[in-house]
């Protein structure tokens, strides 16, 4: 695969991901509840998952995957990295 073909494939992947993006996705685990007993001496109230940043967010940040291989996706990665 040439560099140009790979770059086009990466850009097409980003295009399709944006086209079919759903703000709410369900993986079928919405009704599953697991009993967690790994740290019985720790309470849920003692666990803090907020990120340690100069500003306050209630939830941790998780970027599932990053892409690369083209100038467009390089810019996208730079924007994700600035979050």
N, C-alpha and C. Protein backbone atom coordinates (compact mmCIF):
# COMPACT_ATOMS: atom_id res chain seq x y z
N UNK A 1 0.85 -1.17 0.00
CA UNK A 1 0.00 0.00 0.00
C UNK A 1 0.90 1.24 0.00
N UNK A 2 0.66 2.14 -0.92
CA UNK A 2 1.47 3.35 -1.00
C UNK A 2 1.10 4.32 0.12
N UNK A 3 1.98 5.27 0.35
CA UNK A 3 1.72 6.29 1.38
C UNK A 3 0.44 7.06 1.09
N UNK A 4 0.21 7.36 -0.20
CA UNK A 4 -1.00 8.08 -0.61
C UNK A 4 -2.26 7.25 -0.34
N UNK A 5 -2.20 5.95 -0.65
CA UNK A 5 -3.35 5.08 -0.39
C UNK A 5 -3.63 4.96 1.11
N UNK A 6 -2.57 4.84 1.89
CA UNK A 6 -2.74 4.73 3.34
C UNK A 6 -3.32 6.02 3.91
N UNK A 7 -2.85 7.15 3.44
CA UNK A 7 -3.36 8.44 3.88
C UNK A 7 -4.84 8.56 3.55
N UNK A 8 -5.22 8.17 2.32
CA UNK A 8 -6.62 8.22 1.91
C UNK A 8 -7.48 7.30 2.78
N UNK A 9 -6.97 6.11 3.08
CA UNK A 9 -7.71 5.15 3.90
C UNK A 9 -7.94 5.71 5.31
N UNK A 10 -6.93 6.37 5.88
CA UNK A 10 -7.07 6.97 7.21
C UNK A 10 -8.10 8.09 7.19
N UNK A 11 -8.05 8.95 6.17
CA UNK A 11 -9.02 10.04 6.06
C UNK A 11 -10.44 9.50 5.89
N UNK A 12 -10.58 8.42 5.11
CA UNK A 12 -11.89 7.81 4.90
C UNK A 12 -12.42 7.23 6.21
N UNK A 13 -11.54 6.65 7.01
CA UNK A 13 -11.95 6.11 8.31
C UNK A 13 -12.53 7.21 9.19
N UNK A 14 -11.85 8.36 9.26
CA UNK A 14 -12.33 9.48 10.07
C UNK A 14 -13.66 9.98 9.52
N UNK A 15 -13.80 10.09 8.20
CA UNK A 15 -15.05 10.53 7.58
C UNK A 15 -16.20 9.61 7.97
N UNK A 16 -15.99 8.30 7.87
CA UNK A 16 -17.06 7.35 8.20
C UNK A 16 -17.37 7.35 9.69
N UNK A 17 -16.36 7.50 10.53
CA UNK A 17 -16.60 7.56 11.97
C UNK A 17 -17.46 8.77 12.32
N UNK A 18 -17.19 9.91 11.70
CA UNK A 18 -18.01 11.11 11.94
C UNK A 18 -19.41 10.94 11.37
N UNK A 19 -19.53 10.31 10.21
CA UNK A 19 -20.83 10.13 9.55
C UNK A 19 -21.76 9.26 10.38
N UNK A 20 -21.23 8.20 10.96
CA UNK A 20 -22.07 7.25 11.68
C UNK A 20 -21.99 7.40 13.20
N UNK A 21 -21.42 8.50 13.68
CA UNK A 21 -21.29 8.74 15.12
C UNK A 21 -22.66 8.82 15.78
N UNK A 22 -22.80 8.16 16.92
CA UNK A 22 -24.01 8.24 17.74
C UNK A 22 -23.58 8.75 19.10
N UNK A 23 -24.24 9.82 19.57
CA UNK A 23 -23.84 10.39 20.85
C UNK A 23 -24.14 9.45 22.01
N UNK A 24 -25.11 8.58 21.84
CA UNK A 24 -25.43 7.59 22.86
C UNK A 24 -25.33 6.21 22.22
N UNK A 25 -24.43 5.41 22.71
CA UNK A 25 -24.26 4.06 22.18
C UNK A 25 -24.49 3.06 23.31
N UNK A 26 -25.12 1.97 22.98
CA UNK A 26 -25.39 0.94 23.96
C UNK A 26 -24.74 -0.36 23.50
N UNK A 27 -23.93 -0.94 24.37
CA UNK A 27 -23.25 -2.18 24.04
C UNK A 27 -23.98 -3.40 24.58
N UNK A 28 -25.17 -3.20 25.17
CA UNK A 28 -25.92 -4.32 25.70
C UNK A 28 -25.62 -4.63 27.15
N UNK A 29 -24.74 -3.85 27.75
CA UNK A 29 -24.39 -4.09 29.14
C UNK A 29 -25.12 -3.15 30.11
N UNK A 30 -26.08 -2.40 29.62
CA UNK A 30 -26.79 -1.43 30.45
C UNK A 30 -27.49 -2.07 31.64
N UNK A 31 -27.94 -3.28 31.47
CA UNK A 31 -28.68 -3.96 32.53
C UNK A 31 -27.80 -4.86 33.40
N UNK A 32 -26.52 -4.96 33.09
CA UNK A 32 -25.62 -5.84 33.84
C UNK A 32 -25.10 -5.11 35.08
N UNK A 33 -25.19 -5.76 36.21
CA UNK A 33 -24.65 -5.21 37.46
C UNK A 33 -23.71 -6.25 38.06
N UNK A 34 -22.46 -5.89 38.26
CA UNK A 34 -21.48 -6.81 38.81
C UNK A 34 -21.24 -6.49 40.28
N UNK A 35 -21.09 -7.52 41.08
CA UNK A 35 -20.76 -7.34 42.48
C UNK A 35 -19.24 -7.22 42.59
N UNK A 36 -18.78 -6.11 43.10
CA UNK A 36 -17.35 -5.84 43.19
C UNK A 36 -16.88 -6.09 44.62
N UNK A 37 -15.99 -7.04 44.79
CA UNK A 37 -15.48 -7.38 46.12
C UNK A 37 -13.95 -7.36 46.17
N UNK A 38 -13.28 -6.68 45.24
CA UNK A 38 -11.82 -6.69 45.19
C UNK A 38 -11.19 -5.97 46.38
N UNK A 39 -11.77 -4.87 46.82
CA UNK A 39 -11.24 -4.10 47.95
C UNK A 39 -12.35 -3.89 48.98
N UNK A 40 -12.69 -4.91 49.76
CA UNK A 40 -13.82 -4.79 50.69
C UNK A 40 -13.61 -3.75 51.77
N UNK A 41 -12.35 -3.38 52.06
CA UNK A 41 -12.10 -2.38 53.10
C UNK A 41 -12.24 -0.94 52.60
N UNK A 42 -12.45 -0.75 51.29
CA UNK A 42 -12.59 0.58 50.69
C UNK A 42 -14.03 0.82 50.30
N UNK A 43 -14.52 2.01 50.58
CA UNK A 43 -15.89 2.36 50.19
C UNK A 43 -15.86 3.09 48.85
N UNK A 44 -16.98 3.07 48.16
CA UNK A 44 -17.08 3.79 46.88
C UNK A 44 -16.87 5.29 47.09
N UNK A 45 -17.29 5.81 48.23
CA UNK A 45 -17.14 7.24 48.50
C UNK A 45 -15.67 7.65 48.60
N UNK A 46 -14.79 6.70 48.92
CA UNK A 46 -13.36 7.00 49.06
C UNK A 46 -12.63 6.98 47.72
N UNK A 47 -13.27 6.53 46.66
CA UNK A 47 -12.64 6.42 45.35
C UNK A 47 -12.91 7.70 44.56
N UNK A 48 -11.86 8.30 44.04
CA UNK A 48 -11.98 9.54 43.26
C UNK A 48 -11.33 9.32 41.90
N UNK A 49 -12.14 9.30 40.84
CA UNK A 49 -11.64 9.07 39.48
C UNK A 49 -11.47 10.36 38.69
N UNK A 50 -11.71 11.50 39.32
CA UNK A 50 -11.58 12.77 38.59
C UNK A 50 -10.13 12.97 38.15
N UNK A 51 -9.92 13.48 36.94
CA UNK A 51 -8.55 13.72 36.48
C UNK A 51 -7.91 14.85 37.26
N UNK A 52 -6.60 14.79 37.42
CA UNK A 52 -5.85 15.82 38.13
C UNK A 52 -5.34 16.84 37.11
N UNK A 53 -6.18 17.83 36.84
CA UNK A 53 -5.88 18.86 35.84
C UNK A 53 -6.03 20.23 36.49
N UNK A 54 -5.59 21.29 35.81
CA UNK A 54 -5.74 22.63 36.38
C UNK A 54 -7.20 23.07 36.51
N UNK A 55 -8.11 22.33 35.94
CA UNK A 55 -9.54 22.64 36.05
C UNK A 55 -10.25 21.39 36.54
N UNK A 56 -11.48 21.53 36.98
CA UNK A 56 -12.19 20.44 37.63
C UNK A 56 -13.23 19.81 36.71
N UNK A 57 -13.13 18.51 36.49
CA UNK A 57 -14.15 17.73 35.80
C UNK A 57 -14.63 16.64 36.74
N UNK A 58 -15.87 16.24 36.60
CA UNK A 58 -16.42 15.22 37.47
C UNK A 58 -16.04 13.81 37.04
N UNK A 59 -15.66 13.62 35.79
CA UNK A 59 -15.42 12.28 35.26
C UNK A 59 -14.02 12.17 34.68
N UNK A 60 -13.49 10.96 34.64
CA UNK A 60 -12.18 10.77 34.00
C UNK A 60 -12.30 10.90 32.49
N UNK A 61 -11.20 11.20 31.85
CA UNK A 61 -11.15 11.32 30.39
C UNK A 61 -10.60 10.01 29.82
N UNK A 62 -11.25 9.49 28.80
CA UNK A 62 -10.77 8.28 28.14
C UNK A 62 -10.94 8.45 26.64
N UNK A 63 -9.85 8.46 25.93
CA UNK A 63 -9.90 8.48 24.47
C UNK A 63 -9.65 7.06 24.01
N UNK A 64 -10.65 6.46 23.40
CA UNK A 64 -10.60 5.04 23.03
C UNK A 64 -9.48 4.73 22.05
N UNK A 65 -9.33 5.53 21.04
CA UNK A 65 -8.31 5.25 20.03
C UNK A 65 -7.94 6.55 19.33
N UNK A 66 -6.72 6.60 18.87
CA UNK A 66 -6.28 7.73 18.07
C UNK A 66 -5.91 7.18 16.70
N UNK A 67 -5.86 8.06 15.74
CA UNK A 67 -5.58 7.64 14.38
C UNK A 67 -4.37 8.41 13.87
N UNK A 68 -3.86 8.01 12.78
CA UNK A 68 -2.71 8.70 12.21
C UNK A 68 -2.51 8.25 10.78
N UNK A 69 -1.53 8.82 10.12
CA UNK A 69 -1.21 8.38 8.78
C UNK A 69 -1.50 9.38 7.70
N UNK A 70 -2.11 10.51 8.05
CA UNK A 70 -2.37 11.55 7.05
C UNK A 70 -2.28 12.91 7.73
N UNK A 71 -2.09 13.97 6.95
CA UNK A 71 -2.05 15.30 7.54
C UNK A 71 -3.34 15.65 8.30
N UNK A 72 -4.50 15.24 7.77
CA UNK A 72 -5.78 15.54 8.43
C UNK A 72 -5.86 14.84 9.78
N UNK A 73 -5.48 13.56 9.83
CA UNK A 73 -5.57 12.83 11.09
C UNK A 73 -4.50 13.30 12.07
N UNK A 74 -3.39 13.79 11.58
CA UNK A 74 -2.38 14.39 12.46
C UNK A 74 -2.93 15.60 13.18
N UNK A 75 -3.68 16.44 12.46
CA UNK A 75 -4.32 17.61 13.08
C UNK A 75 -5.36 17.17 14.10
N UNK A 76 -6.13 16.12 13.77
CA UNK A 76 -7.14 15.61 14.69
C UNK A 76 -6.48 15.11 15.98
N UNK A 77 -5.38 14.38 15.87
CA UNK A 77 -4.67 13.90 17.05
C UNK A 77 -4.15 15.06 17.89
N UNK A 78 -3.67 16.11 17.25
CA UNK A 78 -3.19 17.28 17.99
C UNK A 78 -4.32 17.92 18.78
N UNK A 79 -5.51 17.99 18.17
CA UNK A 79 -6.67 18.55 18.88
C UNK A 79 -7.08 17.67 20.05
N UNK A 80 -7.08 16.35 19.86
CA UNK A 80 -7.41 15.43 20.96
C UNK A 80 -6.39 15.55 22.09
N UNK A 81 -5.14 15.71 21.74
CA UNK A 81 -4.08 15.84 22.74
C UNK A 81 -4.19 17.10 23.56
N UNK A 82 -4.86 18.12 23.05
CA UNK A 82 -5.02 19.37 23.78
C UNK A 82 -6.20 19.35 24.72
N UNK A 83 -7.05 18.31 24.64
CA UNK A 83 -8.16 18.22 25.58
C UNK A 83 -7.61 18.12 26.96
